[in-house]
């Protein structure tokens, strides 16, 4: 197998495994980033919907390493790659996320009892 094909396969598998921050915050329910970031004990309490993928990845990097969650604790370099990709996708999704930020507000990572 040539190097270019091998790199492409590794890249696609990596992105699939770590999950793009933008996909986790824009396309999924708010419970997905809440669950994922609680697994790594991220100190973040909220994520703004505008550029939420980048914020999600930064929160993942701030969490504690976790053997059960590959995308954060085990391989922080992959999260850094995902920050770049999420930044591009967040820019494309900007009109939608601005609207969602106005309507829904931030993504709450900690359930507010009030």
PDB file of N, CA and C in Angstrom:
ATOM      1  N   UNK A   1       0.850  -1.175   0.000  1.00  0.00           N
ATOM      2  CA  UNK A   1       0.000   0.000   0.000  1.00  0.00           C
ATOM      3  C   UNK A   1       0.896   1.238   0.000  1.00  0.00           C
ATOM      4  N   UNK A   2       0.608   2.188  -0.879  1.00  0.00           N
ATOM      5  CA  UNK A   2       1.470   3.359  -0.932  1.00  0.00           C
ATOM      6  C   UNK A   2       1.196   4.312   0.237  1.00  0.00           C
ATOM      7  N   UNK A   3       2.131   5.230   0.463  1.00  0.00           N
ATOM      8  CA  UNK A   3       2.059   6.125   1.614  1.00  0.00           C
ATOM      9  C   UNK A   3       0.841   7.036   1.571  1.00  0.00           C
ATOM     10  N   UNK A   4       0.498   7.522   0.405  1.00  0.00           N
ATOM     11  CA  UNK A   4      -0.631   8.448   0.290  1.00  0.00           C
ATOM     12  C   UNK A   4      -1.948   7.756   0.678  1.00  0.00           C
ATOM     13  N   UNK A   5      -2.156   6.541   0.195  1.00  0.00           N
ATOM     14  CA  UNK A   5      -3.364   5.801   0.526  1.00  0.00           C
ATOM     15  C   UNK A   5      -3.388   5.442   2.011  1.00  0.00           C
ATOM     16  N   UNK A   6      -2.256   5.042   2.552  1.00  0.00           N
ATOM     17  CA  UNK A   6      -2.165   4.702   3.968  1.00  0.00           C
ATOM     18  C   UNK A   6      -2.491   5.924   4.829  1.00  0.00           C
ATOM     19  N   UNK A   7      -1.925   7.073   4.488  1.00  0.00           N
ATOM     20  CA  UNK A   7      -2.198   8.302   5.229  1.00  0.00           C
ATOM     21  C   UNK A   7      -3.681   8.659   5.164  1.00  0.00           C
ATOM     22  N   UNK A   8      -4.281   8.534   3.983  1.00  0.00           N
ATOM     23  CA  UNK A   8      -5.698   8.848   3.816  1.00  0.00           C
ATOM     24  C   UNK A   8      -6.563   7.939   4.668  1.00  0.00           C
ATOM     25  N   UNK A   9      -6.265   6.652   4.676  1.00  0.00           N
ATOM     26  CA  UNK A   9      -7.028   5.710   5.498  1.00  0.00           C
ATOM     27  C   UNK A   9      -6.887   6.020   6.987  1.00  0.00           C
ATOM     28  N   UNK A  10      -5.683   6.279   7.427  1.00  0.00           N
ATOM     29  CA  UNK A  10      -5.459   6.610   8.837  1.00  0.00           C
ATOM     30  C   UNK A  10      -6.188   7.894   9.203  1.00  0.00           C
ATOM     31  N   UNK A  11      -6.152   8.875   8.321  1.00  0.00           N
ATOM     32  CA  UNK A  11      -6.814  10.153   8.566  1.00  0.00           C
ATOM     33  C   UNK A  11      -8.326   9.972   8.688  1.00  0.00           C
ATOM     34  N   UNK A  12      -8.924   9.220   7.770  1.00  0.00           N
ATOM     35  CA  UNK A  12     -10.371   8.997   7.789  1.00  0.00           C
ATOM     36  C   UNK A  12     -10.777   8.220   9.040  1.00  0.00           C
ATOM     37  N   UNK A  13     -10.034   7.205   9.387  1.00  0.00           N
ATOM     38  CA  UNK A  13     -10.338   6.422  10.584  1.00  0.00           C
ATOM     39  C   UNK A  13     -10.189   7.285  11.833  1.00  0.00           C
ATOM     40  N   UNK A  14      -9.163   8.098  11.867  1.00  0.00           N
ATOM     41  CA  UNK A  14      -8.933   8.976  13.006  1.00  0.00           C
ATOM     42  C   UNK A  14     -10.094   9.939  13.197  1.00  0.00           C
ATOM     43  N   UNK A  15     -10.513  10.588  12.139  1.00  0.00           N
ATOM     44  CA  UNK A  15     -11.616  11.538  12.240  1.00  0.00           C
ATOM     45  C   UNK A  15     -12.896  10.832  12.636  1.00  0.00           C
ATOM     46  N   UNK A  16     -13.097   9.626  12.137  1.00  0.00           N
ATOM     47  CA  UNK A  16     -14.285   8.855  12.500  1.00  0.00           C
ATOM     48  C   UNK A  16     -14.252   8.481  13.974  1.00  0.00           C
ATOM     49  N   UNK A  17     -13.089   8.089  14.473  1.00  0.00           N
ATOM     50  CA  UNK A  17     -12.968   7.662  15.863  1.00  0.00           C
ATOM     51  C   UNK A  17     -13.110   8.838  16.813  1.00  0.00           C
ATOM     52  N   UNK A  18     -12.413   9.937  16.546  1.00  0.00           N
ATOM     53  CA  UNK A  18     -12.470  11.040  17.499  1.00  0.00           C
ATOM     54  C   UNK A  18     -13.745  11.837  17.352  1.00  0.00           C
ATOM     55  N   UNK A  19     -14.363  11.776  16.212  1.00  0.00           N
ATOM     56  CA  UNK A  19     -15.612  12.513  16.025  1.00  0.00           C
ATOM     57  C   UNK A  19     -15.325  13.993  15.925  1.00  0.00           C
ATOM     58  N   UNK A  20     -15.773  14.578  14.905  1.00  0.00           N
ATOM     59  CA  UNK A  20     -15.545  16.005  14.693  1.00  0.00           C
ATOM     60  C   UNK A  20     -16.336  16.803  15.729  1.00  0.00           C
ATOM     61  N   UNK A  21     -15.692  17.785  16.333  1.00  0.00           N
ATOM     62  CA  UNK A  21     -16.346  18.612  17.339  1.00  0.00           C
ATOM     63  C   UNK A  21     -17.581  19.306  16.804  1.00  0.00           C
ATOM     64  N   UNK A  22     -17.535  19.765  15.569  1.00  0.00           N
ATOM     65  CA  UNK A  22     -18.683  20.443  14.975  1.00  0.00           C
ATOM     66  C   UNK A  22     -19.853  19.485  14.809  1.00  0.00           C
ATOM     67  N   UNK A  23     -19.586  18.279  14.374  1.00  0.00           N
ATOM     68  CA  UNK A  23     -20.655  17.293  14.217  1.00  0.00           C
ATOM     69  C   UNK A  23     -21.282  16.979  15.569  1.00  0.00           C
ATOM     70  N   UNK A  24     -20.457  16.832  16.596  1.00  0.00           N
ATOM     71  CA  UNK A  24     -20.967  16.518  17.929  1.00  0.00           C
ATOM     72  C   UNK A  24     -21.799  17.637  18.534  1.00  0.00           C
ATOM     73  N   UNK A  25     -21.546  18.878  18.147  1.00  0.00           N
ATOM     74  CA  UNK A  25     -22.270  19.987  18.762  1.00  0.00           C
ATOM     75  C   UNK A  25     -23.378  20.561  17.886  1.00  0.00           C
ATOM     76  N   UNK A  26     -23.218  20.510  16.571  1.00  0.00           N
ATOM     77  CA  UNK A  26     -24.212  21.112  15.682  1.00  0.00           C
ATOM     78  C   UNK A  26     -25.254  20.099  15.229  1.00  0.00           C
ATOM     79  N   UNK A  27     -24.834  18.918  14.855  1.00  0.00           N
ATOM     80  CA  UNK A  27     -25.760  17.945  14.293  1.00  0.00           C
ATOM     81  C   UNK A  27     -26.407  17.029  15.327  1.00  0.00           C
ATOM     82  N   UNK A  28     -25.794  16.879  16.481  1.00  0.00           N
ATOM     83  CA  UNK A  28     -26.340  15.995  17.513  1.00  0.00           C
ATOM     84  C   UNK A  28     -27.066  16.797  18.583  1.00  0.00           C
ATOM     85  N   UNK A  29     -27.828  16.093  19.362  1.00  0.00           N
ATOM     86  CA  UNK A  29     -28.521  16.668  20.504  1.00  0.00           C
ATOM     87  C   UNK A  29     -27.493  17.173  21.525  1.00  0.00           C
ATOM     88  N   UNK A  30     -27.886  18.124  22.359  1.00  0.00           N
ATOM     89  CA  UNK A  30     -26.976  18.680  23.363  1.00  0.00           C
ATOM     90  C   UNK A  30     -26.475  17.634  24.352  1.00  0.00           C
ATOM     91  N   UNK A  31     -27.168  16.514  24.462  1.00  0.00           N
ATOM     92  CA  UNK A  31     -26.740  15.479  25.400  1.00  0.00           C
ATOM     93  C   UNK A  31     -25.438  14.803  24.965  1.00  0.00           C
ATOM     94  N   UNK A  32     -25.133  14.814  23.669  1.00  0.00           N
ATOM     95  CA  UNK A  32     -23.912  14.157  23.180  1.00  0.00           C
ATOM     96  C   UNK A  32     -22.656  14.886  23.670  1.00  0.00           C
ATOM     97  N   UNK A  33     -22.508  16.200  23.434  1.00  0.00           N
ATOM     98  CA  UNK A  33     -21.310  16.852  23.983  1.00  0.00           C
ATOM     99  C   UNK A  33     -21.295  16.839  25.506  1.00  0.00           C
ATOM    100  N   UNK A  34     -22.468  16.915  26.129  1.00  0.00           N
ATOM    101  CA  UNK A  34     -22.544  16.860  27.597  1.00  0.00           C
ATOM    102  C   UNK A  34     -21.976  15.533  28.096  1.00  0.00           C
ATOM    103  N   UNK A  35     -22.388  14.427  27.488  1.00  0.00           N
ATOM    104  CA  UNK A  35     -21.918  13.098  27.895  1.00  0.00           C
ATOM    105  C   UNK A  35     -20.422  12.930  27.609  1.00  0.00           C
ATOM    106  N   UNK A  36     -20.013  13.298  26.380  1.00  0.00           N
ATOM    107  CA  UNK A  36     -18.608  13.107  26.002  1.00  0.00           C
ATOM    108  C   UNK A  36     -17.662  13.904  26.888  1.00  0.00           C
ATOM    109  N   UNK A  37     -18.008  15.146  27.170  1.00  0.00           N
ATOM    110  CA  UNK A  37     -17.112  15.975  27.976  1.00  0.00           C
ATOM    111  C   UNK A  37     -17.164  15.601  29.458  1.00  0.00           C
ATOM    112  N   UNK A  38     -18.271  15.032  29.902  1.00  0.00           N
ATOM    113  CA  UNK A  38     -18.308  14.574  31.296  1.00  0.00           C
ATOM    114  C   UNK A  38     -17.433  13.330  31.476  1.00  0.00           C
ATOM    115  N   UNK A  39     -17.275  12.538  30.419  1.00  0.00           N
ATOM    116  CA  UNK A  39     -16.415  11.355  30.504  1.00  0.00           C
ATOM    117  C   UNK A  39     -14.964  11.722  30.753  1.00  0.00           C
ATOM    118  N   UNK A  40     -14.534  12.859  30.249  1.00  0.00           N
ATOM    119  CA  UNK A  40     -13.149  13.283  30.462  1.00  0.00           C
ATOM    120  C   UNK A  40     -13.040  14.331  31.575  1.00  0.00           C
ATOM    121  N   UNK A  41     -14.151  14.533  32.281  1.00  0.00           N
ATOM    122  CA  UNK A  41     -14.187  15.469  33.416  1.00  0.00           C
ATOM    123  C   UNK A  41     -13.701  16.860  33.015  1.00  0.00           C
ATOM    124  N   UNK A  42     -14.241  17.357  31.922  1.00  0.00           N
ATOM    125  CA  UNK A  42     -13.893  18.693  31.459  1.00  0.00           C
ATOM    126  C   UNK A  42     -14.421  19.739  32.442  1.00  0.00           C
ATOM    127  N   UNK A  43     -13.624  20.774  32.727  1.00  0.00           N
ATOM    128  CA  UNK A  43     -14.091  21.814  33.643  1.00  0.00           C
ATOM    129  C   UNK A  43     -15.075  22.797  32.989  1.00  0.00           C
ATOM    130  N   UNK A  44     -15.291  22.684  31.705  1.00  0.00           N
ATOM    131  CA  UNK A  44     -16.191  23.606  31.011  1.00  0.00           C
ATOM    132  C   UNK A  44     -17.626  23.416  31.485  1.00  0.00           C
ATOM    133  N   UNK A  45     -18.332  24.528  31.636  1.00  0.00           N
ATOM    134  CA  UNK A  45     -19.729  24.470  32.052  1.00  0.00           C
ATOM    135  C   UNK A  45     -20.686  24.723  30.895  1.00  0.00           C
ATOM    136  N   UNK A  46     -20.245  25.519  29.924  1.00  0.00           N
ATOM    137  CA  UNK A  46     -21.065  25.796  28.743  1.00  0.00           C
ATOM    138  C   UNK A  46     -20.180  25.866  27.511  1.00  0.00           C
ATOM    139  N   UNK A  47     -20.811  25.696  26.346  1.00  0.00           N
ATOM    140  CA  UNK A  47     -20.135  25.874  25.071  1.00  0.00           C
ATOM    141  C   UNK A  47     -21.011  26.803  24.238  1.00  0.00           C
ATOM    142  N   UNK A  48     -20.450  27.890  23.712  1.00  0.00           N
ATOM    143  CA  UNK A  48     -21.256  28.734  22.824  1.00  0.00           C
ATOM    144  C   UNK A  48     -21.552  27.980  21.536  1.00  0.00           C
ATOM    145  N   UNK A  49     -22.703  28.201  20.958  1.00  0.00           N
ATOM    146  CA  UNK A  49     -23.068  27.501  19.720  1.00  0.00           C
ATOM    147  C   UNK A  49     -22.266  28.032  18.527  1.00  0.00           C
ATOM    148  N   UNK A  50     -21.832  29.273  18.592  1.00  0.00           N
ATOM    149  CA  UNK A  50     -21.007  29.842  17.523  1.00  0.00           C
ATOM    150  C   UNK A  50     -19.585  29.316  17.715  1.00  0.00           C
ATOM    151  N   UNK A  51     -19.041  28.671  16.697  1.00  0.00           N
ATOM    152  CA  UNK A  51     -17.749  27.987  16.757  1.00  0.00           C
ATOM    153  C   UNK A  51     -17.741  26.953  17.890  1.00  0.00           C
ATOM    154  N   UNK A  52     -18.834  26.214  17.995  1.00  0.00           N
ATOM    155  CA  UNK A  52     -18.985  25.223  19.057  1.00  0.00           C
ATOM    156  C   UNK A  52     -18.040  24.042  18.891  1.00  0.00           C
ATOM    157  N   UNK A  53     -17.687  23.691  17.664  1.00  0.00           N
ATOM    158  CA  UNK A  53     -16.777  22.574  17.446  1.00  0.00           C
ATOM    159  C   UNK A  53     -15.392  22.854  18.005  1.00  0.00           C
ATOM    160  N   UNK A  54     -14.911  24.065  17.787  1.00  0.00           N
ATOM    161  CA  UNK A  54     -13.605  24.463  18.317  1.00  0.00           C
ATOM    162  C   UNK A  54     -13.664  24.505  19.843  1.00  0.00           C
ATOM    163  N   UNK A  55     -14.735  25.092  20.384  1.00  0.00           N
ATOM    164  CA  UNK A  55     -14.895  25.161  21.841  1.00  0.00           C
ATOM    165  C   UNK A  55     -14.979  23.773  22.454  1.00  0.00           C
ATOM    166  N   UNK A  56     -15.699  22.884  21.788  1.00  0.00           N
ATOM    167  CA  UNK A  56     -15.840  21.501  22.244  1.00  0.00           C
ATOM    168  C   UNK A  56     -14.461  20.837  22.351  1.00  0.00           C
ATOM    169  N   UNK A  57     -13.639  21.008  21.334  1.00  0.00           N
ATOM    170  CA  UNK A  57     -12.309  20.394  21.335  1.00  0.00           C
ATOM    171  C   UNK A  57     -11.404  21.004  22.396  1.00  0.00           C
ATOM    172  N   UNK A  58     -11.507  22.302  22.618  1.00  0.00           N
ATOM    173  CA  UNK A  58     -10.706  22.944  23.667  1.00  0.00           C
ATOM    174  C   UNK A  58     -11.131  22.413  25.032  1.00  0.00           C
ATOM    175  N   UNK A  59     -12.431  22.249  25.224  1.00  0.00           N
ATOM    176  CA  UNK A  59     -12.920  21.663  26.479  1.00  0.00           C
ATOM    177  C   UNK A  59     -12.428  20.230  26.635  1.00  0.00           C
ATOM    178  N   UNK A  60     -12.373  19.488  25.538  1.00  0.00           N
ATOM    179  CA  UNK A  60     -11.869  18.112  25.592  1.00  0.00           C
ATOM    180  C   UNK A  60     -10.399  18.097  26.000  1.00  0.00           C
ATOM    181  N   UNK A  61      -9.625  19.034  25.488  1.00  0.00           N
ATOM    182  CA  UNK A  61      -8.205  19.106  25.852  1.00  0.00           C
ATOM    183  C   UNK A  61      -8.013  19.486  27.316  1.00  0.00           C
ATOM    184  N   UNK A  62      -8.941  20.251  27.844  1.00  0.00           N
ATOM    185  CA  UNK A  62      -8.848  20.681  29.248  1.00  0.00           C
ATOM    186  C   UNK A  62      -9.254  19.584  30.216  1.00  0.00           C
ATOM    187  N   UNK A  63      -9.887  18.531  29.710  1.00  0.00           N
ATOM    188  CA  UNK A  63     -10.318  17.427  30.559  1.00  0.00           C
ATOM    189  C   UNK A  63      -9.163  16.544  30.988  1.00  0.00           C
ATOM    190  N   UNK A  64      -9.465  15.614  31.870  1.00  0.00           N
ATOM    191  CA  UNK A  64      -8.458  14.663  32.345  1.00  0.00           C
ATOM    192  C   UNK A  64      -8.371  13.500  31.379  1.00  0.00           C
ATOM    193  N   UNK A  65      -7.174  12.937  31.200  1.00  0.00           N
ATOM    194  CA  UNK A  65      -7.038  11.782  30.311  1.00  0.00           C
ATOM    195  C   UNK A  65      -7.961  10.645  30.727  1.00  0.00           C
ATOM    196  N   UNK A  66      -8.520   9.988  29.719  1.00  0.00           N
ATOM    197  CA  UNK A  66      -9.442   8.888  29.965  1.00  0.00           C
ATOM    198  C   UNK A  66      -9.094   7.729  29.051  1.00  0.00           C
ATOM    199  N   UNK A  67      -8.949   6.559  29.614  1.00  0.00           N
ATOM    200  CA  UNK A  67      -8.635   5.386  28.798  1.00  0.00           C
ATOM    201  C   UNK A  67      -9.844   4.922  28.001  1.00  0.00           C
ATOM    202  N   UNK A  68     -11.042   5.290  28.440  1.00  0.00           N
ATOM    203  CA  UNK A  68     -12.256   4.863  27.747  1.00  0.00           C
ATOM    204  C   UNK A  68     -12.624   5.783  26.587  1.00  0.00           C
ATOM    205  N   UNK A  69     -12.018   6.960  26.535  1.00  0.00           N
ATOM    206  CA  UNK A  69     -12.358   7.918  25.502  1.00  0.00           C
ATOM    207  C   UNK A  69     -11.111   8.257  24.694  1.00  0.00           C
ATOM    208  N   UNK A  70     -10.973   7.664  23.542  1.00  0.00           N
ATOM    209  CA  UNK A  70      -9.783   7.849  22.705  1.00  0.00           C
ATOM    210  C   UNK A  70      -9.625   9.291  22.255  1.00  0.00           C
ATOM    211  N   UNK A  71     -10.712   9.958  21.895  1.00  0.00           N
ATOM    212  CA  UNK A  71     -10.620  11.254  21.242  1.00  0.00           C
ATOM    213  C   UNK A  71     -10.082  12.352  22.125  1.00  0.00           C
ATOM    214  N   UNK A  72      -9.993  12.170  23.443  1.00  0.00           N
ATOM    215  CA  UNK A  72      -9.523  13.272  24.268  1.00  0.00           C
ATOM    216  C   UNK A  72      -8.226  12.941  24.988  1.00  0.00           C
ATOM    217  N   UNK A  73      -8.305  12.121  25.997  1.00  0.00           N
ATOM    218  CA  UNK A  73      -7.156  11.917  26.858  1.00  0.00           C
ATOM    219  C   UNK A  73      -6.020  11.172  26.220  1.00  0.00           C
ATOM    220  N   UNK A  74      -6.318  10.166  25.425  1.00  0.00           N
ATOM    221  CA  UNK A  74      -5.273   9.288  24.926  1.00  0.00           C
ATOM    222  C   UNK A  74      -4.444   9.936  23.826  1.00  0.00           C
ATOM    223  N   UNK A  75      -5.063  10.710  22.966  1.00  0.00           N
ATOM    224  CA  UNK A  75      -4.350  11.259  21.813  1.00  0.00           C
ATOM    225  C   UNK A  75      -4.693  12.739  21.631  1.00  0.00           C
ATOM    226  N   UNK A  76      -4.094  13.626  22.439  1.00  0.00           N
ATOM    227  CA  UNK A  76      -4.426  15.046  22.308  1.00  0.00           C
ATOM    228  C   UNK A  76      -4.011  15.632  20.957  1.00  0.00           C
ATOM    229  N   UNK A  77      -3.044  15.015  20.300  1.00  0.00           N
ATOM    230  CA  UNK A  77      -2.634  15.509  18.985  1.00  0.00           C
ATOM    231  C   UNK A  77      -3.780  15.425  17.981  1.00  0.00           C
ATOM    232  N   UNK A  78      -4.597  14.361  18.092  1.00  0.00           N
ATOM    233  CA  UNK A  78      -5.735  14.206  17.196  1.00  0.00           C
ATOM    234  C   UNK A  78      -6.779  15.291  17.439  1.00  0.00           C
ATOM    235  N   UNK A  79      -6.926  15.686  18.690  1.00  0.00           N
ATOM    236  CA  UNK A  79      -7.865  16.761  19.007  1.00  0.00           C
ATOM    237  C   UNK A  79      -7.368  18.069  18.392  1.00  0.00           C
ATOM    238  N   UNK A  80      -6.073  18.275  18.397  1.00  0.00           N
ATOM    239  CA  UNK A  80      -5.520  19.488  17.782  1.00  0.00           C
ATOM    240  C   UNK A  80      -5.793  19.514  16.277  1.00  0.00           C
ATOM    241  N   UNK A  81      -5.697  18.365  15.628  1.00  0.00           N
ATOM    242  CA  UNK A  81      -6.041  18.281  14.204  1.00  0.00           C
ATOM    243  C   UNK A  81      -7.521  18.577  14.016  1.00  0.00           C
ATOM    244  N   UNK A  82      -8.337  18.048  14.916  1.00  0.00           N
ATOM    245  CA  UNK A  82      -9.781  18.251  14.818  1.00  0.00           C
ATOM    246  C   UNK A  82     -10.163  19.708  15.050  1.00  0.00           C
ATOM    247  N   UNK A  83      -9.383  20.438  15.836  1.00  0.00           N
ATOM    248  CA  UNK A  83      -9.667  21.862  16.041  1.00  0.00           C
ATOM    249  C   UNK A  83      -9.612  22.600  14.710  1.00  0.00           C
ATOM    250  N   UNK A  84      -8.629  22.294  13.897  1.00  0.00           N
ATOM    251  CA  UNK A  84      -8.501  22.936  12.584  1.00  0.00           C
ATOM    252  C   UNK A  84      -9.694  22.577  11.697  1.00  0.00           C
ATOM    253  N   UNK A  85     -10.024  21.291  11.638  1.00  0.00           N
ATOM    254  CA  UNK A  85     -11.149  20.850  10.816  1.00  0.00           C
ATOM    255  C   UNK A  85     -12.466  21.418  11.336  1.00  0.00           C
ATOM    256  N   UNK A  86     -12.641  21.445  12.638  1.00  0.00           N
ATOM    257  CA  UNK A  86     -13.857  22.002  13.216  1.00  0.00           C
ATOM    258  C   UNK A  86     -13.954  23.494  12.934  1.00  0.00           C
ATOM    259  N   UNK A  87     -12.823  24.177  12.952  1.00  0.00           N
ATOM    260  CA  UNK A  87     -12.835  25.607  12.638  1.00  0.00           C
ATOM    261  C   UNK A  87     -13.355  25.878  11.235  1.00  0.00           C
ATOM    262  N   UNK A  88     -12.959  25.025  10.296  1.00  0.00           N
ATOM    263  CA  UNK A  88     -13.453  25.186   8.920  1.00  0.00           C
ATOM    264  C   UNK A  88     -14.945  24.891   8.834  1.00  0.00           C
ATOM    265  N   UNK A  89     -15.372  23.790   9.450  1.00  0.00           N
ATOM    266  CA  UNK A  89     -16.800  23.445   9.422  1.00  0.00           C
ATOM    267  C   UNK A  89     -17.640  24.447  10.203  1.00  0.00           C
ATOM    268  N   UNK A  90     -17.116  24.950  11.310  1.00  0.00           N
ATOM    269  CA  UNK A  90     -17.838  25.966  12.079  1.00  0.00           C
ATOM    270  C   UNK A  90     -18.051  27.228  11.259  1.00  0.00           C
ATOM    271  N   UNK A  91     -17.081  27.574  10.436  1.00  0.00           N
ATOM    272  CA  UNK A  91     -17.219  28.750   9.574  1.00  0.00           C
ATOM    273  C   UNK A  91     -18.322  28.548   8.548  1.00  0.00           C
ATOM    274  N   UNK A  92     -18.402  27.357   7.992  1.00  0.00           N
ATOM    275  CA  UNK A  92     -19.460  27.044   7.025  1.00  0.00           C
ATOM    276  C   UNK A  92     -20.828  27.082   7.710  1.00  0.00           C
ATOM    277  N   UNK A  93     -20.888  26.590   8.944  1.00  0.00           N
ATOM    278  CA  UNK A  93     -22.158  26.503   9.674  1.00  0.00           C
ATOM    279  C   UNK A  93     -22.517  27.798  10.404  1.00  0.00           C
ATOM    280  N   UNK A  94     -21.724  28.838  10.231  1.00  0.00           N
ATOM    281  CA  UNK A  94     -21.896  30.074  10.993  1.00  0.00           C
ATOM    282  C   UNK A  94     -23.304  30.679  10.908  1.00  0.00           C
ATOM    283  N   UNK A  95     -23.923  30.797   9.742  1.00  0.00           N
ATOM    284  CA  UNK A  95     -25.281  31.375   9.724  1.00  0.00           C
ATOM    285  C   UNK A  95     -26.261  30.585  10.597  1.00  0.00           C
ATOM    286  N   UNK A  96     -26.192  29.268  10.538  1.00  0.00           N
ATOM    287  CA  UNK A  96     -27.078  28.426  11.339  1.00  0.00           C
ATOM    288  C   UNK A  96     -26.765  28.550  12.829  1.00  0.00           C
ATOM    289  N   UNK A  97     -25.481  28.529  13.189  1.00  0.00           N
ATOM    290  CA  UNK A  97     -25.127  28.564  14.605  1.00  0.00           C
ATOM    291  C   UNK A  97     -25.407  29.933  15.234  1.00  0.00           C
ATOM    292  N   UNK A  98     -25.324  30.990  14.452  1.00  0.00           N
ATOM    293  CA  UNK A  98     -25.698  32.314  14.975  1.00  0.00           C
ATOM    294  C   UNK A  98     -27.183  32.309  15.324  1.00  0.00           C
ATOM    295  N   UNK A  99     -27.998  31.766  14.426  1.00  0.00           N
ATOM    296  CA  UNK A  99     -29.431  31.669  14.676  1.00  0.00           C
ATOM    297  C   UNK A  99     -29.702  30.819  15.917  1.00  0.00           C
ATOM    298  N   UNK A 100     -29.057  29.653  16.014  1.00  0.00           N
ATOM    299  CA  UNK A 100     -29.244  28.771  17.157  1.00  0.00           C
ATOM    300  C   UNK A 100     -28.788  29.422  18.460  1.00  0.00           C
ATOM    301  N   UNK A 101     -27.713  30.199  18.410  1.00  0.00           N
ATOM    302  CA  UNK A 101     -27.222  30.886  19.606  1.00  0.00           C
ATOM    303  C   UNK A 101     -28.268  31.882  20.099  1.00  0.00           C
ATOM    304  N   UNK A 102     -28.899  32.591  19.156  1.00  0.00           N
ATOM    305  CA  UNK A 102     -29.928  33.569  19.532  1.00  0.00           C
ATOM    306  C   UNK A 102     -31.149  32.868  20.117  1.00  0.00           C
ATOM    307  N   UNK A 103     -31.579  31.769  19.491  1.00  0.00           N
ATOM    308  CA  UNK A 103     -32.793  31.066  19.920  1.00  0.00           C
ATOM    309  C   UNK A 103     -32.561  30.204  21.160  1.00  0.00           C
ATOM    310  N   UNK A 104     -31.503  29.391  21.155  1.00  0.00           N
ATOM    311  CA  UNK A 104     -31.280  28.392  22.207  1.00  0.00           C
ATOM    312  C   UNK A 104     -30.288  28.812  23.292  1.00  0.00           C
ATOM    313  N   UNK A 105     -29.373  29.715  22.982  1.00  0.00           N
ATOM    314  CA  UNK A 105     -28.328  30.074  23.930  1.00  0.00           C
ATOM    315  C   UNK A 105     -27.201  29.052  23.905  1.00  0.00           C
ATOM    316  N   UNK A 106     -26.338  29.106  24.903  1.00  0.00           N
ATOM    317  CA  UNK A 106     -25.193  28.197  24.985  1.00  0.00           C
ATOM    318  C   UNK A 106     -25.641  26.753  25.210  1.00  0.00           C
ATOM    319  N   UNK A 107     -24.736  25.827  24.897  1.00  0.00           N
ATOM    320  CA  UNK A 107     -24.954  24.414  25.222  1.00  0.00           C
ATOM    321  C   UNK A 107     -24.531  24.234  26.675  1.00  0.00           C
ATOM    322  N   UNK A 108     -25.487  23.887  27.511  1.00  0.00           N
ATOM    323  CA  UNK A 108     -25.215  23.681  28.937  1.00  0.00           C
ATOM    324  C   UNK A 108     -24.609  22.295  29.141  1.00  0.00           C
ATOM    325  N   UNK A 109     -23.425  22.247  29.707  1.00  0.00           N
ATOM    326  CA  UNK A 109     -22.767  20.974  29.968  1.00  0.00           C
ATOM    327  C   UNK A 109     -23.078  20.439  31.352  1.00  0.00           C
ATOM    328  N   UNK A 110     -23.499  21.305  32.212  1.00  0.00           N
ATOM    329  CA  UNK A 110     -23.914  20.904  33.555  1.00  0.00           C
ATOM    330  C   UNK A 110     -25.397  21.228  33.681  1.00  0.00           C
ATOM    331  N   UNK A 111     -26.159  20.262  34.119  1.00  0.00           N
ATOM    332  CA  UNK A 111     -27.600  20.486  34.287  1.00  0.00           C
ATOM    333  C   UNK A 111     -27.814  21.504  35.407  1.00  0.00           C
ATOM    334  N   UNK A 112     -28.566  22.557  35.086  1.00  0.00           N
ATOM    335  CA  UNK A 112     -28.894  23.588  36.066  1.00  0.00           C
ATOM    336  C   UNK A 112     -30.160  23.165  36.813  1.00  0.00           C
ATOM    337  N   UNK A 113     -30.118  23.052  38.150  1.00  0.00           N
ATOM    338  CA  UNK A 113     -31.283  22.589  38.890  1.00  0.00           C
ATOM    339  C   UNK A 113     -32.435  23.588  38.916  1.00  0.00           C
ATOM    340  N   UNK A 114     -32.221  24.824  38.477  1.00  0.00           N
ATOM    341  CA  UNK A 114     -33.267  25.847  38.544  1.00  0.00           C
ATOM    342  C   UNK A 114     -34.047  25.911  37.261  1.00  0.00           C
TER     343      UNK A 114
END
